[in-house]
């Protein structure tokens, strides 16, 4: 997002220090049932590349 490249990562240590959620990318919560949240993030990145 910061460089016009969509980023989708997990909120694991290291990633969340580099990617700020909704600013430089989207972070998927670890241990969260993934399908609804992950599909929402993927849909957003496809709609707003």
C-alpha atoms as a PDB file:
ATOM      1  CA  UNK A   1       0.000   0.000   0.000  1.00  0.00           C
ATOM      2  CA  UNK A   2       2.796   2.433   0.826  1.00  0.00           C
ATOM      3  CA  UNK A   3       4.490   1.766  -2.516  1.00  0.00           C
ATOM      4  CA  UNK A   4       1.315   0.909  -4.359  1.00  0.00           C
ATOM      5  CA  UNK A   5       1.847  -2.794  -3.662  1.00  0.00           C
ATOM      6  CA  UNK A   6      -0.789  -4.498  -1.515  1.00  0.00           C
ATOM      7  CA  UNK A   7       0.581  -6.348   1.508  1.00  0.00           C
ATOM      8  CA  UNK A   8      -1.276  -9.019   3.428  1.00  0.00           C
ATOM      9  CA  UNK A   9       0.513 -10.623   6.348  1.00  0.00           C
ATOM     10  CA  UNK A  10      -0.102 -12.097   9.769  1.00  0.00           C
ATOM     11  CA  UNK A  11       0.160 -10.147  12.981  1.00  0.00           C
ATOM     12  CA  UNK A  12       3.113 -12.298  14.043  1.00  0.00           C
ATOM     13  CA  UNK A  13       6.165 -10.795  15.684  1.00  0.00           C
ATOM     14  CA  UNK A  14       8.262  -9.042  13.094  1.00  0.00           C
ATOM     15  CA  UNK A  15       5.510  -8.577  10.523  1.00  0.00           C
ATOM     16  CA  UNK A  16       3.424  -6.262  12.692  1.00  0.00           C
ATOM     17  CA  UNK A  17       6.543  -4.202  13.361  1.00  0.00           C
ATOM     18  CA  UNK A  18       6.942  -3.584   9.621  1.00  0.00           C
ATOM     19  CA  UNK A  19       3.329  -3.512   8.395  1.00  0.00           C
ATOM     20  CA  UNK A  20       0.928  -1.062  10.051  1.00  0.00           C
ATOM     21  CA  UNK A  21      -2.621  -2.393   9.684  1.00  0.00           C
ATOM     22  CA  UNK A  22      -4.748  -0.315   7.271  1.00  0.00           C
ATOM     23  CA  UNK A  23      -1.794   1.991   6.571  1.00  0.00           C
ATOM     24  CA  UNK A  24       0.999   0.017   4.913  1.00  0.00           C
ATOM     25  CA  UNK A  25      -0.921  -3.240   4.571  1.00  0.00           C
ATOM     26  CA  UNK A  26      -3.449  -5.559   6.139  1.00  0.00           C
ATOM     27  CA  UNK A  27      -2.681  -7.915   9.012  1.00  0.00           C
ATOM     28  CA  UNK A  28      -4.483 -11.193   9.547  1.00  0.00           C
ATOM     29  CA  UNK A  29      -4.798 -12.197  13.227  1.00  0.00           C
ATOM     30  CA  UNK A  30      -2.956 -15.379  14.193  1.00  0.00           C
ATOM     31  CA  UNK A  31      -5.141 -18.030  15.789  1.00  0.00           C
ATOM     32  CA  UNK A  32      -8.329 -16.395  14.515  1.00  0.00           C
ATOM     33  CA  UNK A  33     -10.681 -18.537  12.450  1.00  0.00           C
ATOM     34  CA  UNK A  34      -9.291 -17.394   9.159  1.00  0.00           C
ATOM     35  CA  UNK A  35     -11.884 -17.638   6.443  1.00  0.00           C
ATOM     36  CA  UNK A  36     -14.128 -14.605   7.169  1.00  0.00           C
ATOM     37  CA  UNK A  37     -11.332 -12.184   8.082  1.00  0.00           C
ATOM     38  CA  UNK A  38      -8.920 -13.380   5.409  1.00  0.00           C
ATOM     39  CA  UNK A  39     -11.576 -13.247   2.681  1.00  0.00           C
ATOM     40  CA  UNK A  40     -12.526  -9.710   3.780  1.00  0.00           C
ATOM     41  CA  UNK A  41      -8.889  -8.598   3.516  1.00  0.00           C
ATOM     42  CA  UNK A  42      -8.399 -10.280   0.128  1.00  0.00           C
ATOM     43  CA  UNK A  43     -11.634  -8.733  -1.189  1.00  0.00           C
ATOM     44  CA  UNK A  44     -10.462  -5.294  -0.050  1.00  0.00           C
ATOM     45  CA  UNK A  45      -7.085  -5.689  -1.775  1.00  0.00           C
ATOM     46  CA  UNK A  46      -8.762  -6.805  -4.994  1.00  0.00           C
ATOM     47  CA  UNK A  47     -11.229  -3.915  -4.918  1.00  0.00           C
ATOM     48  CA  UNK A  48      -8.684  -1.245  -3.913  1.00  0.00           C
ATOM     49  CA  UNK A  49      -5.307  -2.400  -5.315  1.00  0.00           C
END
